N, C-alpha and C. Protein backbone atom coordinates (compact mmCIF):
# COMPACT_ATOMS: atom_id res chain seq x y z
N MET A 1 115.62 85.84 104.85
CA MET A 1 115.19 86.23 106.19
C MET A 1 114.11 85.26 106.67
N ASP A 2 114.28 84.71 107.89
CA ASP A 2 113.31 83.74 108.38
C ASP A 2 112.16 84.45 109.12
N GLU A 3 111.17 83.64 109.51
CA GLU A 3 109.96 84.21 110.13
C GLU A 3 110.27 84.92 111.44
N GLN A 4 111.19 84.36 112.24
CA GLN A 4 111.54 84.97 113.52
C GLN A 4 112.15 86.35 113.32
N GLN A 5 113.05 86.47 112.34
CA GLN A 5 113.67 87.77 112.05
C GLN A 5 112.61 88.78 111.59
N GLU A 6 111.69 88.31 110.73
CA GLU A 6 110.62 89.20 110.26
C GLU A 6 109.77 89.70 111.42
N ARG A 7 109.43 88.78 112.33
CA ARG A 7 108.60 89.17 113.48
C ARG A 7 109.32 90.22 114.34
N GLU A 8 110.63 90.01 114.54
CA GLU A 8 111.39 90.96 115.36
C GLU A 8 111.45 92.33 114.70
N ILE A 9 111.70 92.34 113.38
CA ILE A 9 111.75 93.63 112.67
C ILE A 9 110.39 94.30 112.68
N ALA A 10 109.33 93.52 112.44
CA ALA A 10 107.98 94.08 112.43
C ALA A 10 107.63 94.69 113.79
N ARG A 11 107.98 93.99 114.86
CA ARG A 11 107.71 94.53 116.20
C ARG A 11 108.50 95.83 116.40
N GLY A 12 109.76 95.82 116.01
CA GLY A 12 110.59 97.00 116.16
C GLY A 12 110.08 98.18 115.36
N LEU A 13 109.58 97.90 114.17
CA LEU A 13 109.03 98.98 113.34
C LEU A 13 107.82 99.61 114.01
N ARG A 14 106.94 98.76 114.53
CA ARG A 14 105.74 99.28 115.19
C ARG A 14 106.09 100.13 116.41
N GLU A 15 107.21 99.77 117.05
CA GLU A 15 107.61 100.48 118.26
C GLU A 15 108.61 101.60 117.98
N GLY A 16 108.92 101.81 116.70
CA GLY A 16 109.79 102.90 116.32
C GLY A 16 111.25 102.71 116.67
N GLU A 17 111.72 101.49 116.74
CA GLU A 17 113.12 101.22 117.10
C GLU A 17 114.04 101.48 115.90
N ALA A 18 115.10 102.24 116.14
CA ALA A 18 116.05 102.56 115.07
C ALA A 18 116.73 101.32 114.51
N ASP A 19 117.02 100.35 115.36
CA ASP A 19 117.68 99.12 114.90
C ASP A 19 116.81 98.36 113.91
N ALA A 20 115.50 98.40 114.13
CA ALA A 20 114.57 97.70 113.22
C ALA A 20 114.60 98.36 111.84
N TRP A 21 114.67 99.70 111.82
CA TRP A 21 114.73 100.40 110.53
C TRP A 21 116.03 100.09 109.80
N ARG A 22 117.13 100.04 110.55
CA ARG A 22 118.41 99.69 109.91
C ARG A 22 118.36 98.27 109.36
N ALA A 23 117.77 97.35 110.12
CA ALA A 23 117.67 95.96 109.67
C ALA A 23 116.80 95.85 108.42
N LEU A 24 115.69 96.59 108.40
CA LEU A 24 114.81 96.58 107.23
C LEU A 24 115.56 97.11 106.01
N TYR A 25 116.24 98.22 106.19
CA TYR A 25 116.97 98.83 105.08
C TYR A 25 118.07 97.90 104.58
N ASP A 26 118.86 97.35 105.51
CA ASP A 26 119.96 96.46 105.12
C ASP A 26 119.44 95.23 104.38
N ALA A 27 118.29 94.73 104.79
CA ALA A 27 117.75 93.51 104.19
C ALA A 27 117.15 93.75 102.81
N TYR A 28 116.56 94.94 102.58
CA TYR A 28 115.76 95.12 101.38
C TYR A 28 116.14 96.27 100.46
N ALA A 29 117.03 97.15 100.86
CA ALA A 29 117.34 98.33 100.04
C ALA A 29 117.82 97.95 98.65
N GLU A 30 118.75 97.00 98.57
CA GLU A 30 119.29 96.63 97.26
C GLU A 30 118.21 96.01 96.38
N ARG A 31 117.37 95.18 96.97
CA ARG A 31 116.31 94.53 96.19
C ARG A 31 115.28 95.54 95.72
N VAL A 32 114.92 96.50 96.58
CA VAL A 32 113.99 97.55 96.17
C VAL A 32 114.60 98.34 95.01
N TRP A 33 115.87 98.69 95.14
CA TRP A 33 116.55 99.45 94.08
C TRP A 33 116.51 98.69 92.75
N ARG A 34 116.86 97.40 92.79
CA ARG A 34 116.90 96.61 91.55
C ARG A 34 115.53 96.53 90.89
N THR A 35 114.50 96.27 91.68
CA THR A 35 113.17 96.09 91.09
C THR A 35 112.58 97.41 90.63
N VAL A 36 112.83 98.50 91.36
CA VAL A 36 112.39 99.82 90.90
C VAL A 36 113.10 100.17 89.60
N ALA A 37 114.40 99.89 89.52
CA ALA A 37 115.17 100.19 88.31
C ALA A 37 114.65 99.40 87.12
N ARG A 38 114.21 98.18 87.36
CA ARG A 38 113.66 97.38 86.25
C ARG A 38 112.37 97.98 85.73
N LEU A 39 111.55 98.50 86.61
CA LEU A 39 110.29 99.10 86.20
C LEU A 39 110.47 100.46 85.54
N MET A 40 111.45 101.22 86.01
CA MET A 40 111.62 102.58 85.52
C MET A 40 112.70 102.71 84.45
N GLY A 41 113.57 101.71 84.36
CA GLY A 41 114.72 101.79 83.49
C GLY A 41 115.96 102.06 84.33
N ALA A 42 116.97 101.22 84.16
CA ALA A 42 118.15 101.30 85.01
C ALA A 42 118.86 102.64 84.89
N ASP A 43 118.69 103.32 83.75
CA ASP A 43 119.38 104.59 83.55
C ASP A 43 118.55 105.79 84.01
N SER A 44 117.39 105.54 84.61
CA SER A 44 116.54 106.64 85.07
C SER A 44 117.18 107.33 86.27
N ALA A 45 117.28 108.65 86.17
CA ALA A 45 117.86 109.42 87.28
C ALA A 45 116.91 109.48 88.47
N ASP A 46 115.67 109.05 88.29
CA ASP A 46 114.67 109.16 89.34
C ASP A 46 114.56 107.92 90.22
N VAL A 47 115.33 106.87 89.91
CA VAL A 47 115.26 105.64 90.70
C VAL A 47 115.58 105.94 92.17
N ALA A 48 116.64 106.70 92.42
CA ALA A 48 117.04 107.01 93.80
C ALA A 48 115.92 107.73 94.54
N ASP A 49 115.24 108.66 93.85
CA ASP A 49 114.15 109.40 94.50
C ASP A 49 113.01 108.47 94.88
N VAL A 50 112.67 107.55 93.97
CA VAL A 50 111.57 106.63 94.25
C VAL A 50 111.93 105.70 95.40
N VAL A 51 113.17 105.21 95.44
CA VAL A 51 113.59 104.33 96.54
C VAL A 51 113.54 105.10 97.86
N GLN A 52 114.03 106.32 97.86
CA GLN A 52 114.00 107.13 99.08
C GLN A 52 112.56 107.37 99.54
N GLU A 53 111.68 107.72 98.61
CA GLU A 53 110.28 107.95 98.96
C GLU A 53 109.64 106.68 99.50
N THR A 54 110.05 105.53 98.97
CA THR A 54 109.51 104.25 99.44
C THR A 54 109.83 104.04 100.91
N PHE A 55 111.08 104.24 101.29
CA PHE A 55 111.46 104.01 102.69
C PHE A 55 110.88 105.08 103.62
N LEU A 56 110.75 106.32 103.14
CA LEU A 56 110.11 107.35 103.95
C LEU A 56 108.63 107.01 104.19
N ALA A 57 107.96 106.54 103.13
CA ALA A 57 106.55 106.16 103.27
C ALA A 57 106.40 104.96 104.19
N ALA A 58 107.35 104.02 104.09
CA ALA A 58 107.32 102.86 104.99
C ALA A 58 107.46 103.30 106.44
N ALA A 59 108.34 104.27 106.68
CA ALA A 59 108.52 104.78 108.04
C ALA A 59 107.22 105.40 108.56
N ARG A 60 106.52 106.11 107.68
CA ARG A 60 105.28 106.78 108.10
C ARG A 60 104.14 105.79 108.34
N SER A 61 104.21 104.64 107.69
CA SER A 61 103.07 103.71 107.78
C SER A 61 103.41 102.39 108.46
N ALA A 62 104.47 102.37 109.24
CA ALA A 62 104.89 101.12 109.89
C ALA A 62 103.79 100.51 110.74
N HIS A 63 102.98 101.37 111.37
CA HIS A 63 101.91 100.87 112.23
C HIS A 63 100.88 100.07 111.44
N SER A 64 100.85 100.25 110.10
CA SER A 64 99.84 99.55 109.28
C SER A 64 100.30 98.17 108.84
N TYR A 65 101.57 97.84 109.09
CA TYR A 65 102.05 96.52 108.63
C TYR A 65 101.37 95.41 109.41
N ASP A 66 100.81 94.46 108.67
CA ASP A 66 100.13 93.32 109.26
C ASP A 66 100.74 92.05 108.67
N ALA A 67 101.48 91.31 109.49
CA ALA A 67 102.17 90.11 109.01
C ALA A 67 101.21 89.07 108.45
N ALA A 68 99.97 89.10 108.90
CA ALA A 68 98.99 88.12 108.41
C ALA A 68 98.65 88.36 106.95
N ARG A 69 98.92 89.57 106.44
CA ARG A 69 98.58 89.89 105.05
C ARG A 69 99.74 89.69 104.09
N GLY A 70 100.90 89.30 104.60
CA GLY A 70 102.04 89.05 103.72
C GLY A 70 103.36 89.41 104.39
N SER A 71 104.43 89.09 103.70
CA SER A 71 105.77 89.30 104.24
C SER A 71 106.14 90.78 104.24
N LEU A 72 107.22 91.09 104.95
CA LEU A 72 107.75 92.45 104.94
C LEU A 72 108.06 92.90 103.52
N TRP A 73 108.61 91.97 102.72
CA TRP A 73 108.96 92.33 101.34
C TRP A 73 107.73 92.73 100.55
N LEU A 74 106.65 91.97 100.64
CA LEU A 74 105.44 92.30 99.88
C LEU A 74 104.87 93.64 100.33
N TRP A 75 104.92 93.92 101.62
CA TRP A 75 104.45 95.21 102.14
C TRP A 75 105.31 96.34 101.59
N LEU A 76 106.63 96.18 101.68
CA LEU A 76 107.54 97.22 101.23
C LEU A 76 107.45 97.41 99.72
N TRP A 77 107.36 96.31 98.98
CA TRP A 77 107.27 96.41 97.53
C TRP A 77 105.95 97.02 97.08
N GLY A 78 104.88 96.77 97.82
CA GLY A 78 103.62 97.43 97.51
C GLY A 78 103.74 98.94 97.61
N ILE A 79 104.47 99.41 98.63
CA ILE A 79 104.71 100.85 98.77
C ILE A 79 105.54 101.36 97.61
N ALA A 80 106.60 100.62 97.26
CA ALA A 80 107.47 101.03 96.15
C ALA A 80 106.70 101.12 94.84
N ARG A 81 105.84 100.17 94.59
CA ARG A 81 105.07 100.16 93.34
C ARG A 81 104.16 101.38 93.25
N ARG A 82 103.58 101.77 94.38
CA ARG A 82 102.73 102.97 94.36
C ARG A 82 103.55 104.21 94.01
N HIS A 83 104.78 104.26 94.49
CA HIS A 83 105.62 105.42 94.18
C HIS A 83 106.12 105.38 92.73
N VAL A 84 106.34 104.20 92.20
CA VAL A 84 106.68 104.10 90.76
C VAL A 84 105.50 104.60 89.94
N ALA A 85 104.30 104.19 90.31
CA ALA A 85 103.10 104.64 89.57
C ALA A 85 102.94 106.15 89.66
N LEU A 86 103.21 106.72 90.82
CA LEU A 86 103.14 108.18 90.96
C LEU A 86 104.15 108.86 90.05
N HIS A 87 105.33 108.27 89.96
CA HIS A 87 106.36 108.83 89.08
C HIS A 87 105.88 108.85 87.63
N TYR A 88 105.28 107.74 87.19
CA TYR A 88 104.80 107.69 85.81
C TYR A 88 103.74 108.76 85.56
N ARG A 89 102.87 108.96 86.53
CA ARG A 89 101.85 110.00 86.34
C ARG A 89 102.48 111.38 86.25
N LYS A 90 103.45 111.63 87.10
CA LYS A 90 104.12 112.94 87.08
C LYS A 90 104.85 113.17 85.76
N GLU A 91 105.34 112.13 85.16
CA GLU A 91 106.12 112.24 83.92
C GLU A 91 105.26 112.05 82.67
N LYS A 92 104.00 112.38 82.78
CA LYS A 92 103.08 112.27 81.64
C LYS A 92 103.05 110.84 81.09
N ARG A 93 102.85 109.94 82.01
CA ARG A 93 102.84 108.53 81.67
C ARG A 93 101.84 108.21 80.57
N HIS A 94 100.68 108.85 80.62
CA HIS A 94 99.65 108.52 79.64
C HIS A 94 100.09 108.86 78.22
N ASP A 95 100.85 109.93 78.07
CA ASP A 95 101.33 110.28 76.73
C ASP A 95 102.28 109.20 76.19
N ARG A 96 103.19 108.75 77.05
CA ARG A 96 104.12 107.70 76.62
C ARG A 96 103.40 106.40 76.31
N LEU A 97 102.42 106.06 77.14
CA LEU A 97 101.68 104.82 76.93
C LEU A 97 100.87 104.88 75.64
N ARG A 98 100.28 106.05 75.38
CA ARG A 98 99.49 106.19 74.16
C ARG A 98 100.37 105.98 72.94
N ALA A 99 101.55 106.61 72.94
CA ALA A 99 102.48 106.45 71.82
C ALA A 99 102.93 105.00 71.69
N ALA A 100 103.21 104.35 72.83
CA ALA A 100 103.63 102.95 72.79
C ALA A 100 102.49 102.05 72.31
N GLY A 101 101.28 102.35 72.78
CA GLY A 101 100.14 101.56 72.35
C GLY A 101 99.87 101.71 70.86
N GLN A 102 100.04 102.92 70.33
CA GLN A 102 99.87 103.13 68.89
C GLN A 102 100.92 102.36 68.10
N TRP A 103 102.13 102.34 68.64
CA TRP A 103 103.18 101.52 68.00
C TRP A 103 102.75 100.06 67.98
N LEU A 104 102.16 99.61 69.10
CA LEU A 104 101.74 98.21 69.22
C LEU A 104 100.70 97.86 68.17
N THR A 105 99.77 98.79 67.87
CA THR A 105 98.72 98.50 66.90
C THR A 105 99.26 98.39 65.47
N THR A 106 100.46 98.89 65.23
CA THR A 106 101.04 98.80 63.89
C THR A 106 101.78 97.50 63.66
N ARG A 107 101.79 96.61 64.66
CA ARG A 107 102.52 95.34 64.53
C ARG A 107 101.68 94.25 63.88
N ASN A 108 100.49 94.60 63.39
CA ASN A 108 99.62 93.65 62.68
C ASN A 108 99.32 92.38 63.49
N GLY A 109 99.08 92.56 64.77
CA GLY A 109 98.70 91.42 65.61
C GLY A 109 99.85 90.55 66.07
N LEU A 110 101.10 90.93 65.74
CA LEU A 110 102.24 90.09 66.09
C LEU A 110 102.36 89.92 67.60
N VAL A 111 102.22 91.03 68.35
CA VAL A 111 102.38 90.95 69.80
C VAL A 111 101.31 90.05 70.40
N LEU A 112 100.07 90.19 69.93
CA LEU A 112 99.00 89.32 70.41
C LEU A 112 99.34 87.86 70.16
N ARG A 113 99.80 87.55 68.94
CA ARG A 113 100.14 86.15 68.63
C ARG A 113 101.28 85.66 69.52
N CYS A 114 102.22 86.53 69.82
CA CYS A 114 103.33 86.15 70.70
C CYS A 114 102.83 85.90 72.12
N LEU A 115 101.94 86.78 72.59
CA LEU A 115 101.38 86.60 73.93
C LEU A 115 100.60 85.31 74.06
N GLU A 116 99.95 84.92 72.99
CA GLU A 116 99.16 83.69 73.01
C GLU A 116 100.00 82.46 72.69
N GLY A 117 101.30 82.66 72.45
CA GLY A 117 102.19 81.54 72.17
C GLY A 117 102.11 81.01 70.76
N GLN A 118 101.47 81.76 69.85
CA GLN A 118 101.33 81.29 68.47
C GLN A 118 102.58 81.58 67.64
N ASP A 119 103.25 82.69 67.95
CA ASP A 119 104.46 83.08 67.23
C ASP A 119 105.58 83.32 68.23
N ARG A 120 106.80 83.15 67.75
CA ARG A 120 107.96 83.50 68.57
C ARG A 120 108.27 84.98 68.34
N ALA A 121 108.50 85.71 69.44
CA ALA A 121 108.77 87.14 69.31
C ALA A 121 110.15 87.36 68.71
N PRO A 122 110.25 88.13 67.62
CA PRO A 122 111.57 88.42 67.03
C PRO A 122 112.37 89.32 67.96
N PRO A 123 113.70 89.23 67.91
CA PRO A 123 114.55 90.04 68.81
C PRO A 123 114.28 91.53 68.72
N GLU A 124 114.00 92.03 67.50
CA GLU A 124 113.78 93.48 67.37
C GLU A 124 112.51 93.91 68.08
N LEU A 125 111.51 93.02 68.18
CA LEU A 125 110.29 93.36 68.92
C LEU A 125 110.57 93.40 70.41
N LEU A 126 111.30 92.39 70.91
CA LEU A 126 111.60 92.33 72.33
C LEU A 126 112.48 93.50 72.77
N ALA A 127 113.29 94.02 71.86
CA ALA A 127 114.20 95.11 72.20
C ALA A 127 113.57 96.49 72.05
N ALA A 128 112.35 96.55 71.51
CA ALA A 128 111.72 97.85 71.23
C ALA A 128 111.43 98.61 72.53
N ALA A 129 111.79 99.88 72.54
CA ALA A 129 111.55 100.73 73.72
C ALA A 129 110.06 100.84 74.03
N GLU A 130 109.23 100.84 72.98
CA GLU A 130 107.79 100.97 73.19
C GLU A 130 107.24 99.76 73.95
N LEU A 131 107.72 98.57 73.61
CA LEU A 131 107.26 97.37 74.31
C LEU A 131 107.72 97.40 75.76
N THR A 132 108.95 97.85 75.99
CA THR A 132 109.46 97.98 77.36
C THR A 132 108.59 98.92 78.18
N THR A 133 108.19 100.04 77.59
CA THR A 133 107.32 101.00 78.27
C THR A 133 106.00 100.35 78.65
N LEU A 134 105.41 99.61 77.71
CA LEU A 134 104.13 98.96 77.99
C LEU A 134 104.25 97.89 79.06
N VAL A 135 105.32 97.11 79.01
CA VAL A 135 105.51 96.04 80.00
C VAL A 135 105.67 96.62 81.39
N ARG A 136 106.52 97.65 81.51
CA ARG A 136 106.73 98.27 82.83
C ARG A 136 105.44 98.86 83.39
N ALA A 137 104.71 99.57 82.55
CA ALA A 137 103.48 100.19 83.01
C ALA A 137 102.44 99.13 83.39
N THR A 138 102.38 98.05 82.60
CA THR A 138 101.42 96.99 82.89
C THR A 138 101.73 96.32 84.22
N LEU A 139 103.00 96.09 84.50
CA LEU A 139 103.38 95.47 85.77
C LEU A 139 102.92 96.31 86.95
N THR A 140 103.04 97.64 86.84
CA THR A 140 102.65 98.49 87.98
C THR A 140 101.14 98.51 88.19
N ARG A 141 100.36 98.09 87.20
CA ARG A 141 98.90 98.10 87.33
C ARG A 141 98.35 96.77 87.84
N LEU A 142 99.20 95.76 87.94
CA LEU A 142 98.75 94.46 88.44
C LEU A 142 98.65 94.47 89.96
N PRO A 143 97.82 93.58 90.52
CA PRO A 143 97.82 93.43 91.99
C PRO A 143 99.22 93.04 92.47
N ASP A 144 99.56 93.41 93.69
CA ASP A 144 100.90 93.16 94.23
C ASP A 144 101.34 91.71 94.09
N GLU A 145 100.42 90.77 94.42
CA GLU A 145 100.83 89.36 94.41
C GLU A 145 101.12 88.85 93.00
N TYR A 146 100.49 89.45 91.98
CA TYR A 146 100.78 89.07 90.60
C TYR A 146 102.08 89.69 90.12
N GLU A 147 102.25 91.00 90.40
CA GLU A 147 103.47 91.68 89.96
C GLU A 147 104.71 91.04 90.59
N SER A 148 104.62 90.71 91.87
CA SER A 148 105.79 90.19 92.57
C SER A 148 106.21 88.83 92.01
N VAL A 149 105.24 87.97 91.70
CA VAL A 149 105.59 86.64 91.21
C VAL A 149 106.10 86.71 89.77
N LEU A 150 105.54 87.60 88.94
CA LEU A 150 106.04 87.76 87.57
C LEU A 150 107.46 88.34 87.57
N THR A 151 107.69 89.33 88.43
CA THR A 151 109.02 89.93 88.52
C THR A 151 110.04 88.92 88.98
N ALA A 152 109.67 88.15 90.01
CA ALA A 152 110.61 87.14 90.53
C ALA A 152 110.94 86.09 89.48
N LYS A 153 109.93 85.63 88.76
CA LYS A 153 110.12 84.54 87.78
C LYS A 153 110.82 85.04 86.52
N TYR A 154 110.33 86.14 85.94
CA TYR A 154 110.79 86.52 84.60
C TYR A 154 111.84 87.63 84.57
N LEU A 155 111.94 88.43 85.63
CA LEU A 155 112.98 89.46 85.66
C LEU A 155 114.15 89.04 86.53
N ASP A 156 113.85 88.43 87.70
CA ASP A 156 114.92 87.99 88.58
C ASP A 156 115.41 86.58 88.26
N GLY A 157 114.65 85.85 87.43
CA GLY A 157 115.08 84.50 87.03
C GLY A 157 114.97 83.46 88.12
N GLU A 158 114.11 83.68 89.11
CA GLU A 158 113.95 82.71 90.19
C GLU A 158 113.15 81.50 89.71
N SER A 159 113.46 80.36 90.27
CA SER A 159 112.66 79.18 89.97
C SER A 159 111.37 79.22 90.78
N VAL A 160 110.38 78.44 90.33
CA VAL A 160 109.12 78.35 91.06
C VAL A 160 109.38 77.82 92.47
N GLU A 161 110.29 76.85 92.55
CA GLU A 161 110.61 76.26 93.86
C GLU A 161 111.21 77.31 94.81
N SER A 162 112.09 78.15 94.27
CA SER A 162 112.72 79.19 95.08
C SER A 162 111.69 80.21 95.57
N ILE A 163 110.78 80.59 94.68
CA ILE A 163 109.73 81.54 95.06
C ILE A 163 108.85 80.95 96.16
N ALA A 164 108.48 79.69 95.98
CA ALA A 164 107.63 79.03 96.98
C ALA A 164 108.33 78.96 98.34
N ASP A 165 109.62 78.65 98.33
CA ASP A 165 110.37 78.56 99.57
C ASP A 165 110.46 79.94 100.25
N ARG A 166 110.76 80.97 99.46
CA ARG A 166 110.91 82.32 100.02
C ARG A 166 109.59 82.84 100.59
N GLU A 167 108.48 82.51 99.93
CA GLU A 167 107.18 83.01 100.36
C GLU A 167 106.47 82.07 101.33
N ARG A 168 107.18 80.99 101.71
CA ARG A 168 106.60 79.98 102.60
C ARG A 168 105.26 79.48 102.04
N SER A 169 105.29 79.13 100.76
CA SER A 169 104.10 78.65 100.06
C SER A 169 104.43 77.31 99.43
N THR A 170 103.52 76.81 98.60
CA THR A 170 103.76 75.54 97.91
C THR A 170 104.04 75.81 96.43
N VAL A 171 104.73 74.88 95.79
CA VAL A 171 105.01 75.00 94.36
C VAL A 171 103.71 75.08 93.57
N THR A 172 102.74 74.27 93.95
CA THR A 172 101.44 74.28 93.25
C THR A 172 100.77 75.64 93.36
N ALA A 173 100.81 76.23 94.55
CA ALA A 173 100.18 77.54 94.73
C ALA A 173 100.89 78.61 93.90
N VAL A 174 102.22 78.55 93.84
CA VAL A 174 102.97 79.54 93.05
C VAL A 174 102.69 79.36 91.57
N ARG A 175 102.66 78.12 91.09
CA ARG A 175 102.35 77.87 89.67
C ARG A 175 100.96 78.40 89.32
N SER A 176 100.02 78.19 90.21
CA SER A 176 98.66 78.67 89.97
C SER A 176 98.63 80.19 89.93
N ARG A 177 99.35 80.84 90.85
CA ARG A 177 99.38 82.30 90.86
C ARG A 177 100.08 82.83 89.62
N LEU A 178 101.13 82.15 89.17
CA LEU A 178 101.82 82.56 87.94
C LEU A 178 100.88 82.51 86.75
N ALA A 179 100.08 81.46 86.66
CA ALA A 179 99.14 81.32 85.53
C ALA A 179 98.12 82.46 85.56
N ARG A 180 97.58 82.78 86.75
CA ARG A 180 96.62 83.87 86.85
C ARG A 180 97.28 85.21 86.56
N ALA A 181 98.52 85.36 87.01
CA ALA A 181 99.25 86.61 86.79
C ALA A 181 99.53 86.83 85.31
N ARG A 182 99.91 85.76 84.60
CA ARG A 182 100.17 85.89 83.16
C ARG A 182 98.90 86.28 82.41
N GLN A 183 97.79 85.68 82.80
CA GLN A 183 96.52 86.00 82.16
C GLN A 183 96.13 87.46 82.41
N ALA A 184 96.29 87.91 83.65
CA ALA A 184 95.96 89.30 83.98
C ALA A 184 96.88 90.27 83.23
N PHE A 185 98.16 89.90 83.12
CA PHE A 185 99.12 90.73 82.39
C PHE A 185 98.71 90.86 80.93
N ARG A 186 98.37 89.72 80.29
CA ARG A 186 97.94 89.74 78.89
C ARG A 186 96.74 90.66 78.70
N GLN A 187 95.75 90.52 79.57
CA GLN A 187 94.53 91.32 79.42
C GLN A 187 94.82 92.81 79.54
N LEU A 188 95.65 93.19 80.50
CA LEU A 188 95.98 94.60 80.67
C LEU A 188 96.78 95.13 79.49
N LEU A 189 97.72 94.33 79.00
CA LEU A 189 98.53 94.77 77.86
C LEU A 189 97.66 94.94 76.62
N LEU A 190 96.74 94.03 76.40
CA LEU A 190 95.87 94.12 75.24
C LEU A 190 94.90 95.30 75.37
N ARG A 191 94.50 95.63 76.61
CA ARG A 191 93.68 96.80 76.81
C ARG A 191 94.41 98.08 76.41
N SER A 192 95.72 98.10 76.66
CA SER A 192 96.53 99.25 76.23
C SER A 192 96.48 99.41 74.73
N THR A 193 96.50 98.29 74.02
CA THR A 193 96.43 98.33 72.56
C THR A 193 95.08 98.89 72.10
N ALA A 194 94.01 98.41 72.74
CA ALA A 194 92.67 98.89 72.37
C ALA A 194 92.53 100.37 72.67
N PHE A 195 93.07 100.82 73.81
CA PHE A 195 93.02 102.24 74.16
C PHE A 195 93.71 103.09 73.11
N ALA A 196 94.88 102.62 72.67
CA ALA A 196 95.64 103.38 71.68
C ALA A 196 94.87 103.44 70.35
N ALA A 197 94.27 102.33 69.98
CA ALA A 197 93.53 102.29 68.71
C ALA A 197 92.37 103.27 68.73
N ASP A 198 91.69 103.34 69.89
CA ASP A 198 90.57 104.28 70.01
C ASP A 198 91.01 105.74 69.90
N LYS A 199 92.26 106.00 70.27
CA LYS A 199 92.76 107.38 70.29
C LYS A 199 93.42 107.79 69.00
N GLU A 200 93.60 106.85 68.09
CA GLU A 200 94.27 107.22 66.84
C GLU A 200 93.38 108.14 66.02
N PRO A 201 93.97 109.14 65.36
CA PRO A 201 93.15 110.06 64.55
C PRO A 201 92.52 109.35 63.38
N SER A 202 91.30 109.72 63.07
CA SER A 202 90.61 109.08 61.94
C SER A 202 90.83 109.86 60.66
């Protein structure tokens, strides 16, 4: 979607035009669904509810969209991420995270070494449900601009050049944001480990 199309949709949203809502939905519904499913698990029965709540919330807050603060996608995805986070809280997210974090502490520092690039992660570690839970939860706690670039690069498989083109940015700026996003992700994931260790029974 080019800048002119975004401006037209944004104007229509602010004015409550039905065509603008249809255009927004047609342009982004599938992408919202895919990214929500990645965070929640593709087999989650609640993905549809979160996607629906995202578009309803977008309808209620259309007047707050400010193109100067980012693209329509970043605005819409920020809303979706908040609803994913609400879902995790409703589903006793902290209990699942605590269990996953305790699992992480039993890996004898392997995950930390993998995050720092010292060791290669074995397939059984990458496939572990506990690690998936921690990764998904960590992504939802990152700032929108970090989560979006990590998702685009590592979940959607986009190149840095493609991300820069889509966001009307430069390759250098995207690479820099990726580096900061990876660092923030590491710190949050390691904090989950420390939290779990503190909660383990003595």
